[in-house]
Amino acid sequence: MINSKNYLALVFILFILLGCENNENATNKEQMLAAIDNHSVNLSNNTKSSNNFESKELQFKKFILNINYENNQSTEIVYEKKSIGIEAEMIDTQTSKKIIGKEAFSKIQPLLLKLKLHKGTPASDVKEELISLFNIRDDYQKIELEIGFTDGLENKYVFIP
């Protein structure tokens, strides 16, 4: 008797799920998950901005940059392309600013498009390019970069003056 109740419950749940999938007004799984995670930008909703950056494909699936300064001050820039969307975040403890989601993505993407890094770039060139492109002040204590390319290769860099 218990097994038949479980079976009926399973059939009922499947019936409801299949019914929702046929409903043209039902949201797809990607959109629902992206709505839950307010740090994500849904890839299917990308529209061209005034700078047309969304139309260009980035060479990175992950870009996490941490810059540490004196007195526990830091800047963190995060870009991660995930199956449900893009996580983008900019945190600056010096100015007490935290930008997430589409706004952060619109600020990060133009910088990443200018970045001329590839898997064979020497560490010294990586450091120079980061300092130049992200306007890193000379008084930094440490720069950490975790980068993942679309081909699956990942690199980590740590720079101390």
N, C-alpha and C. Protein backbone atom coordinates (compact mmCIF):
# COMPACT_ATOMS: atom_id res chain seq x y z
N MET A 1 0.81 -1.19 0.00
CA MET A 1 0.00 0.00 0.00
C MET A 1 0.86 1.26 0.00
N ILE A 2 1.96 1.23 0.76
CA ILE A 2 2.85 2.38 0.82
C ILE A 2 3.50 2.62 -0.54
N ASN A 3 3.89 1.55 -1.19
CA ASN A 3 4.52 1.69 -2.50
C ASN A 3 3.56 2.30 -3.52
N SER A 4 2.30 1.93 -3.45
CA SER A 4 1.34 2.49 -4.41
C SER A 4 1.10 3.97 -4.15
N LYS A 5 1.17 4.43 -2.88
CA LYS A 5 1.03 5.86 -2.59
C LYS A 5 2.23 6.63 -3.15
N ASN A 6 3.41 6.07 -2.97
CA ASN A 6 4.61 6.73 -3.51
C ASN A 6 4.55 6.78 -5.03
N TYR A 7 4.08 5.69 -5.62
CA TYR A 7 3.97 5.63 -7.07
C TYR A 7 2.98 6.67 -7.58
N LEU A 8 1.82 6.78 -6.92
CA LEU A 8 0.81 7.76 -7.33
C LEU A 8 1.33 9.19 -7.15
N ALA A 9 2.07 9.43 -6.08
CA ALA A 9 2.63 10.76 -5.86
C ALA A 9 3.64 11.10 -6.96
N LEU A 10 4.45 10.13 -7.33
CA LEU A 10 5.44 10.34 -8.39
C LEU A 10 4.76 10.62 -9.72
N VAL A 11 3.73 9.85 -10.04
CA VAL A 11 2.99 10.05 -11.29
C VAL A 11 2.34 11.44 -11.29
N PHE A 12 1.77 11.83 -10.16
CA PHE A 12 1.13 13.14 -10.05
C PHE A 12 2.14 14.27 -10.27
N ILE A 13 3.30 14.15 -9.65
CA ILE A 13 4.35 15.17 -9.80
C ILE A 13 4.83 15.24 -11.25
N LEU A 14 5.05 14.08 -11.86
CA LEU A 14 5.47 14.05 -13.27
C LEU A 14 4.41 14.67 -14.17
N PHE A 15 3.15 14.39 -13.89
CA PHE A 15 2.06 14.95 -14.67
C PHE A 15 2.07 16.47 -14.60
N ILE A 16 2.27 17.01 -13.41
CA ILE A 16 2.30 18.46 -13.24
C ILE A 16 3.52 19.06 -13.96
N LEU A 17 4.68 18.42 -13.80
CA LEU A 17 5.88 18.92 -14.45
C LEU A 17 5.77 18.89 -15.96
N LEU A 18 5.24 17.82 -16.49
CA LEU A 18 5.08 17.73 -17.94
C LEU A 18 4.05 18.73 -18.44
N GLY A 19 3.02 18.95 -17.65
CA GLY A 19 2.01 19.93 -18.02
C GLY A 19 2.58 21.33 -18.08
N CYS A 20 3.45 21.65 -17.14
CA CYS A 20 4.09 22.98 -17.13
C CYS A 20 5.01 23.16 -18.32
N GLU A 21 5.66 22.09 -18.73
CA GLU A 21 6.59 22.20 -19.84
C GLU A 21 5.87 22.51 -21.15
N ASN A 22 4.63 22.07 -21.28
CA ASN A 22 3.86 22.34 -22.49
C ASN A 22 3.24 23.73 -22.46
N ASN A 23 3.20 24.38 -21.32
CA ASN A 23 2.63 25.71 -21.19
C ASN A 23 3.60 26.71 -21.80
N GLU A 24 3.14 27.47 -22.80
CA GLU A 24 4.03 28.42 -23.46
C GLU A 24 4.41 29.58 -22.55
N ASN A 25 3.63 29.83 -21.50
CA ASN A 25 3.94 30.92 -20.58
C ASN A 25 4.90 30.49 -19.48
N ALA A 26 5.17 29.21 -19.36
CA ALA A 26 6.08 28.74 -18.31
C ALA A 26 7.50 29.16 -18.63
N THR A 27 8.23 29.55 -17.62
CA THR A 27 9.62 29.97 -17.82
C THR A 27 10.51 28.76 -17.92
N ASN A 28 11.55 28.87 -18.73
CA ASN A 28 12.45 27.73 -18.84
C ASN A 28 13.35 27.64 -17.63
N LYS A 29 14.01 26.52 -17.49
CA LYS A 29 14.83 26.24 -16.32
C LYS A 29 15.95 27.26 -16.15
N GLU A 30 16.60 27.65 -17.24
CA GLU A 30 17.68 28.63 -17.15
C GLU A 30 17.19 29.95 -16.58
N GLN A 31 16.05 30.42 -17.04
CA GLN A 31 15.53 31.70 -16.56
C GLN A 31 15.16 31.63 -15.09
N MET A 32 14.57 30.52 -14.65
CA MET A 32 14.20 30.38 -13.25
C MET A 32 15.44 30.36 -12.36
N LEU A 33 16.45 29.62 -12.75
CA LEU A 33 17.67 29.55 -11.95
C LEU A 33 18.38 30.90 -11.91
N ALA A 34 18.40 31.60 -13.02
CA ALA A 34 19.06 32.91 -13.04
C ALA A 34 18.30 33.91 -12.18
N ALA A 35 16.98 33.80 -12.14
CA ALA A 35 16.20 34.70 -11.30
C ALA A 35 16.47 34.44 -9.83
N ILE A 36 16.70 33.19 -9.47
CA ILE A 36 17.01 32.84 -8.09
C ILE A 36 18.36 33.40 -7.70
N ASP A 37 19.33 33.27 -8.59
CA ASP A 37 20.68 33.76 -8.30
C ASP A 37 20.81 35.17 -8.84
N ASN A 38 20.60 36.17 -8.00
CA ASN A 38 20.60 37.54 -8.48
C ASN A 38 21.99 38.04 -8.83
N HIS A 39 23.01 37.21 -8.70
CA HIS A 39 24.35 37.58 -9.11
C HIS A 39 24.59 37.22 -10.57
N SER A 40 23.63 36.57 -11.21
CA SER A 40 23.84 36.07 -12.56
C SER A 40 23.18 36.96 -13.60
N VAL A 41 23.77 36.96 -14.76
CA VAL A 41 23.18 37.59 -15.92
C VAL A 41 22.80 36.45 -16.85
N ASN A 42 21.52 36.30 -17.16
CA ASN A 42 21.08 35.19 -17.98
C ASN A 42 21.62 35.35 -19.40
N LEU A 43 22.34 34.36 -19.88
CA LEU A 43 22.95 34.45 -21.20
C LEU A 43 21.92 34.60 -22.31
N SER A 44 20.75 33.99 -22.15
CA SER A 44 19.74 34.07 -23.20
C SER A 44 19.11 35.46 -23.28
N ASN A 45 19.33 36.30 -22.27
CA ASN A 45 18.76 37.64 -22.28
C ASN A 45 19.78 38.70 -22.66
N ASN A 46 20.95 38.32 -23.13
CA ASN A 46 21.95 39.33 -23.51
C ASN A 46 21.42 40.18 -24.65
N THR A 47 21.51 41.48 -24.45
CA THR A 47 21.13 42.41 -25.51
C THR A 47 22.32 43.31 -25.77
N LYS A 48 22.36 43.86 -26.95
CA LYS A 48 23.49 44.71 -27.29
C LYS A 48 23.40 46.01 -26.49
N SER A 49 24.50 46.37 -25.88
CA SER A 49 24.55 47.64 -25.17
C SER A 49 24.97 48.71 -26.16
N SER A 50 25.05 49.93 -25.66
CA SER A 50 25.46 51.02 -26.55
C SER A 50 26.88 50.81 -27.05
N ASN A 51 27.68 50.03 -26.32
CA ASN A 51 29.05 49.74 -26.74
C ASN A 51 29.16 48.43 -27.51
N ASN A 52 28.07 47.70 -27.67
CA ASN A 52 28.02 46.43 -28.39
C ASN A 52 28.98 45.38 -27.82
N PHE A 53 29.26 45.42 -26.53
CA PHE A 53 30.17 44.45 -25.94
C PHE A 53 29.53 43.08 -25.76
N GLU A 54 28.21 43.01 -25.52
CA GLU A 54 27.58 41.73 -25.29
C GLU A 54 27.63 40.82 -26.51
N SER A 55 27.81 41.40 -27.68
CA SER A 55 27.81 40.60 -28.89
C SER A 55 29.15 39.89 -29.11
N LYS A 56 30.17 40.24 -28.33
CA LYS A 56 31.49 39.64 -28.51
C LYS A 56 31.72 38.55 -27.48
N GLU A 57 32.34 37.48 -27.90
CA GLU A 57 32.64 36.35 -27.02
C GLU A 57 33.97 36.58 -26.32
N LEU A 58 33.99 36.38 -25.02
CA LEU A 58 35.22 36.51 -24.26
C LEU A 58 36.03 35.23 -24.34
N GLN A 59 37.34 35.34 -24.19
CA GLN A 59 38.21 34.17 -24.22
C GLN A 59 38.31 33.50 -22.85
N PHE A 60 37.63 34.07 -21.85
CA PHE A 60 37.71 33.55 -20.50
C PHE A 60 36.37 32.98 -20.05
N LYS A 61 36.42 31.91 -19.28
CA LYS A 61 35.21 31.44 -18.60
C LYS A 61 35.28 31.82 -17.13
N LYS A 62 36.51 32.15 -16.67
CA LYS A 62 36.68 32.59 -15.28
C LYS A 62 37.80 33.62 -15.23
N PHE A 63 37.52 34.69 -14.48
CA PHE A 63 38.52 35.73 -14.26
C PHE A 63 38.26 36.29 -12.87
N ILE A 64 39.15 35.98 -11.94
CA ILE A 64 39.01 36.46 -10.56
C ILE A 64 40.30 37.20 -10.21
N LEU A 65 40.17 38.49 -9.99
CA LEU A 65 41.31 39.35 -9.69
C LEU A 65 41.14 39.95 -8.30
N ASN A 66 42.12 39.71 -7.43
CA ASN A 66 42.14 40.29 -6.08
C ASN A 66 43.36 41.18 -5.97
N ILE A 67 43.14 42.41 -5.55
CA ILE A 67 44.24 43.35 -5.35
C ILE A 67 44.19 43.79 -3.89
N ASN A 68 45.25 43.53 -3.15
CA ASN A 68 45.32 43.89 -1.74
C ASN A 68 46.22 45.10 -1.55
N TYR A 69 45.74 46.02 -0.73
CA TYR A 69 46.48 47.22 -0.37
C TYR A 69 46.70 47.23 1.14
N GLU A 70 47.38 48.24 1.65
CA GLU A 70 47.59 48.38 3.09
C GLU A 70 46.26 48.56 3.82
N ASN A 71 46.29 48.33 5.13
CA ASN A 71 45.13 48.52 6.01
C ASN A 71 43.92 47.68 5.61
N ASN A 72 44.16 46.47 5.16
CA ASN A 72 43.10 45.53 4.77
C ASN A 72 42.16 46.08 3.70
N GLN A 73 42.64 46.95 2.87
CA GLN A 73 41.86 47.48 1.75
C GLN A 73 42.09 46.57 0.54
N SER A 74 41.03 46.36 -0.23
CA SER A 74 41.18 45.47 -1.39
C SER A 74 40.16 45.80 -2.47
N THR A 75 40.46 45.28 -3.64
CA THR A 75 39.55 45.34 -4.78
C THR A 75 39.44 43.93 -5.33
N GLU A 76 38.21 43.51 -5.62
CA GLU A 76 37.99 42.18 -6.18
C GLU A 76 37.11 42.32 -7.41
N ILE A 77 37.54 41.67 -8.49
CA ILE A 77 36.78 41.66 -9.74
C ILE A 77 36.55 40.21 -10.11
N VAL A 78 35.28 39.84 -10.27
CA VAL A 78 34.93 38.45 -10.55
C VAL A 78 34.08 38.38 -11.81
N TYR A 79 34.48 37.49 -12.71
CA TYR A 79 33.69 37.15 -13.90
C TYR A 79 33.74 35.64 -14.02
N GLU A 80 32.59 35.00 -13.98
CA GLU A 80 32.54 33.55 -14.17
C GLU A 80 31.37 33.20 -15.06
N LYS A 81 31.66 32.51 -16.15
CA LYS A 81 30.63 32.04 -17.06
C LYS A 81 30.20 30.66 -16.58
N LYS A 82 28.94 30.55 -16.18
CA LYS A 82 28.41 29.30 -15.66
C LYS A 82 27.31 28.80 -16.60
N SER A 83 26.83 27.60 -16.35
CA SER A 83 25.81 27.03 -17.22
C SER A 83 24.51 27.83 -17.18
N ILE A 84 24.22 28.50 -16.08
CA ILE A 84 22.96 29.25 -15.97
C ILE A 84 23.12 30.74 -16.27
N GLY A 85 24.32 31.19 -16.47
CA GLY A 85 24.52 32.60 -16.74
C GLY A 85 25.92 33.04 -16.38
N ILE A 86 26.06 34.33 -16.23
CA ILE A 86 27.36 34.91 -15.92
C ILE A 86 27.30 35.56 -14.55
N GLU A 87 28.25 35.21 -13.71
CA GLU A 87 28.38 35.87 -12.41
C GLU A 87 29.39 36.98 -12.58
N ALA A 88 28.99 38.17 -12.21
CA ALA A 88 29.88 39.33 -12.31
C ALA A 88 29.77 40.13 -11.02
N GLU A 89 30.93 40.53 -10.51
CA GLU A 89 30.95 41.21 -9.23
C GLU A 89 32.19 42.10 -9.14
N MET A 90 32.01 43.29 -8.60
CA MET A 90 33.12 44.20 -8.34
C MET A 90 32.97 44.70 -6.91
N ILE A 91 34.00 44.47 -6.10
CA ILE A 91 33.97 44.90 -4.71
C ILE A 91 35.22 45.72 -4.44
N ASP A 92 35.02 46.92 -3.93
CA ASP A 92 36.13 47.80 -3.59
C ASP A 92 35.95 48.26 -2.15
N THR A 93 36.76 47.73 -1.23
CA THR A 93 36.62 48.10 0.18
C THR A 93 37.14 49.51 0.45
N GLN A 94 37.96 50.04 -0.42
CA GLN A 94 38.47 51.40 -0.24
C GLN A 94 37.35 52.44 -0.38
N THR A 95 36.45 52.19 -1.31
CA THR A 95 35.34 53.11 -1.54
C THR A 95 34.02 52.56 -1.02
N SER A 96 34.06 51.38 -0.42
CA SER A 96 32.86 50.70 0.10
C SER A 96 31.81 50.49 -0.98
N LYS A 97 32.26 50.17 -2.19
CA LYS A 97 31.34 49.92 -3.29
C LYS A 97 31.30 48.43 -3.62
N LYS A 98 30.08 47.95 -3.86
CA LYS A 98 29.88 46.57 -4.31
C LYS A 98 28.88 46.63 -5.46
N ILE A 99 29.32 46.16 -6.62
CA ILE A 99 28.46 46.15 -7.81
C ILE A 99 28.35 44.70 -8.25
N ILE A 100 27.12 44.24 -8.49
CA ILE A 100 26.91 42.85 -8.89
C ILE A 100 25.99 42.79 -10.11
N GLY A 101 25.96 41.63 -10.73
CA GLY A 101 25.03 41.37 -11.81
C GLY A 101 25.34 42.11 -13.09
N LYS A 102 24.28 42.56 -13.76
CA LYS A 102 24.42 43.19 -15.07
C LYS A 102 25.26 44.46 -15.03
N GLU A 103 25.12 45.24 -13.97
CA GLU A 103 25.89 46.48 -13.88
C GLU A 103 27.39 46.17 -13.80
N ALA A 104 27.76 45.18 -12.99
CA ALA A 104 29.17 44.79 -12.89
C ALA A 104 29.65 44.22 -14.22
N PHE A 105 28.81 43.39 -14.85
CA PHE A 105 29.16 42.80 -16.14
C PHE A 105 29.45 43.88 -17.17
N SER A 106 28.64 44.92 -17.19
CA SER A 106 28.83 45.99 -18.18
C SER A 106 30.12 46.77 -17.94
N LYS A 107 30.63 46.75 -16.72
CA LYS A 107 31.90 47.42 -16.43
C LYS A 107 33.10 46.49 -16.64
N ILE A 108 32.92 45.20 -16.36
CA ILE A 108 34.02 44.24 -16.46
C ILE A 108 34.27 43.82 -17.90
N GLN A 109 33.22 43.56 -18.65
CA GLN A 109 33.39 43.00 -20.00
C GLN A 109 34.27 43.85 -20.92
N PRO A 110 34.10 45.18 -20.96
CA PRO A 110 34.98 45.96 -21.84
C PRO A 110 36.46 45.82 -21.48
N LEU A 111 36.74 45.70 -20.19
CA LEU A 111 38.13 45.52 -19.76
C LEU A 111 38.66 44.16 -20.20
N LEU A 112 37.84 43.12 -20.03
CA LEU A 112 38.29 41.78 -20.41
C LEU A 112 38.46 41.65 -21.91
N LEU A 113 37.67 42.39 -22.67
CA LEU A 113 37.84 42.37 -24.13
C LEU A 113 39.17 43.00 -24.55
N LYS A 114 39.67 43.94 -23.76
CA LYS A 114 40.95 44.59 -24.05
C LYS A 114 42.14 43.76 -23.59
N LEU A 115 41.90 42.83 -22.69
CA LEU A 115 42.97 42.03 -22.12
C LEU A 115 43.58 41.12 -23.18
N LYS A 116 44.88 41.17 -23.34
CA LYS A 116 45.57 40.41 -24.38
C LYS A 116 46.31 39.21 -23.79
N LEU A 117 45.66 38.51 -22.88
CA LEU A 117 46.28 37.34 -22.27
C LEU A 117 45.91 36.08 -23.03
N HIS A 118 46.84 35.16 -23.09
CA HIS A 118 46.57 33.83 -23.62
C HIS A 118 47.33 32.85 -22.76
N LYS A 119 47.15 31.57 -23.01
CA LYS A 119 47.74 30.57 -22.10
C LYS A 119 49.26 30.59 -22.05
N GLY A 120 49.92 31.17 -23.03
CA GLY A 120 51.38 31.20 -23.03
C GLY A 120 51.98 32.54 -22.63
N THR A 121 51.15 33.47 -22.16
CA THR A 121 51.66 34.79 -21.80
C THR A 121 52.59 34.70 -20.59
N PRO A 122 53.80 35.24 -20.68
CA PRO A 122 54.72 35.22 -19.53
C PRO A 122 54.13 36.00 -18.35
N ALA A 123 54.46 35.56 -17.14
CA ALA A 123 53.93 36.17 -15.92
C ALA A 123 54.23 37.66 -15.84
N SER A 124 55.42 38.07 -16.27
CA SER A 124 55.77 39.49 -16.21
C SER A 124 54.85 40.33 -17.10
N ASP A 125 54.47 39.79 -18.26
CA ASP A 125 53.55 40.49 -19.15
C ASP A 125 52.14 40.54 -18.57
N VAL A 126 51.74 39.45 -17.90
CA VAL A 126 50.43 39.40 -17.24
C VAL A 126 50.36 40.52 -16.21
N LYS A 127 51.40 40.62 -15.39
CA LYS A 127 51.45 41.64 -14.33
C LYS A 127 51.36 43.05 -14.93
N GLU A 128 52.16 43.33 -15.94
CA GLU A 128 52.16 44.65 -16.57
C GLU A 128 50.79 45.00 -17.14
N GLU A 129 50.18 44.04 -17.79
CA GLU A 129 48.88 44.30 -18.41
C GLU A 129 47.80 44.53 -17.36
N LEU A 130 47.82 43.76 -16.28
CA LEU A 130 46.84 43.97 -15.21
C LEU A 130 47.00 45.35 -14.58
N ILE A 131 48.23 45.72 -14.26
CA ILE A 131 48.48 47.02 -13.64
C ILE A 131 48.02 48.15 -14.54
N SER A 132 48.29 48.03 -15.82
CA SER A 132 47.91 49.07 -16.77
C SER A 132 46.40 49.13 -16.99
N LEU A 133 45.80 48.00 -17.30
CA LEU A 133 44.39 47.97 -17.66
C LEU A 133 43.46 48.27 -16.48
N PHE A 134 43.80 47.77 -15.30
CA PHE A 134 42.94 47.95 -14.13
C PHE A 134 43.39 49.10 -13.24
N ASN A 135 44.33 49.91 -13.71
CA ASN A 135 44.81 51.08 -12.98
C ASN A 135 45.17 50.75 -11.53
N ILE A 136 45.98 49.72 -11.37
CA ILE A 136 46.40 49.28 -10.04
C ILE A 136 47.45 50.26 -9.52
N ARG A 137 47.20 50.76 -8.32
CA ARG A 137 48.11 51.73 -7.71
C ARG A 137 49.45 51.07 -7.37
N ASP A 138 50.50 51.87 -7.31
CA ASP A 138 51.84 51.38 -7.01
C ASP A 138 51.98 50.83 -5.60
N ASP A 139 51.10 51.22 -4.69
CA ASP A 139 51.23 50.79 -3.29
C ASP A 139 50.50 49.47 -2.99
N TYR A 140 50.23 48.67 -4.02
CA TYR A 140 49.57 47.39 -3.77
C TYR A 140 50.49 46.47 -2.97
N GLN A 141 49.89 45.60 -2.17
CA GLN A 141 50.63 44.62 -1.38
C GLN A 141 50.73 43.27 -2.10
N LYS A 142 49.62 42.92 -2.79
CA LYS A 142 49.60 41.64 -3.50
C LYS A 142 48.51 41.69 -4.57
N ILE A 143 48.82 41.07 -5.71
CA ILE A 143 47.85 40.89 -6.79
C ILE A 143 47.71 39.40 -7.01
N GLU A 144 46.47 38.91 -6.97
CA GLU A 144 46.21 37.49 -7.25
C GLU A 144 45.24 37.42 -8.43
N LEU A 145 45.55 36.55 -9.37
CA LEU A 145 44.69 36.36 -10.53
C LEU A 145 44.46 34.88 -10.73
N GLU A 146 43.20 34.51 -10.84
CA GLU A 146 42.82 33.15 -11.22
C GLU A 146 42.05 33.29 -12.52
N ILE A 147 42.56 32.64 -13.55
CA ILE A 147 41.98 32.82 -14.88
C ILE A 147 41.71 31.45 -15.50
N GLY A 148 40.54 31.30 -16.10
CA GLY A 148 40.17 30.07 -16.78
C GLY A 148 39.80 30.40 -18.22
N PHE A 149 40.47 29.76 -19.15
CA PHE A 149 40.21 30.00 -20.56
C PHE A 149 39.07 29.09 -21.03
N THR A 150 38.48 29.44 -22.16
CA THR A 150 37.35 28.67 -22.67
C THR A 150 37.75 27.26 -23.10
N ASP A 151 39.05 27.03 -23.34
CA ASP A 151 39.49 25.69 -23.72
C ASP A 151 39.72 24.78 -22.50
N GLY A 152 39.47 25.31 -21.30
CA GLY A 152 39.59 24.51 -20.09
C GLY A 152 40.87 24.75 -19.29
N LEU A 153 41.86 25.37 -19.88
CA LEU A 153 43.12 25.64 -19.18
C LEU A 153 42.90 26.72 -18.12
N GLU A 154 43.46 26.49 -16.93
CA GLU A 154 43.37 27.48 -15.85
C GLU A 154 44.77 27.83 -15.37
N ASN A 155 44.97 29.10 -15.06
CA ASN A 155 46.25 29.60 -14.53
C ASN A 155 45.98 30.42 -13.29
N LYS A 156 46.95 30.39 -12.37
CA LYS A 156 46.91 31.23 -11.18
C LYS A 156 48.21 32.00 -11.10
N TYR A 157 48.09 33.27 -10.76
CA TYR A 157 49.26 34.14 -10.63
C TYR A 157 49.17 34.87 -9.29
N VAL A 158 50.33 35.06 -8.67
CA VAL A 158 50.44 35.88 -7.46
C VAL A 158 51.63 36.81 -7.67
N PHE A 159 51.36 38.11 -7.53
CA PHE A 159 52.41 39.11 -7.72
C PHE A 159 52.56 39.92 -6.44
N ILE A 160 53.78 39.99 -5.93
CA ILE A 160 54.11 40.77 -4.74
C ILE A 160 55.22 41.73 -5.15
N PRO A 161 55.07 43.03 -4.81
CA PRO A 161 56.09 43.99 -5.26
C PRO A 161 57.46 43.72 -4.65
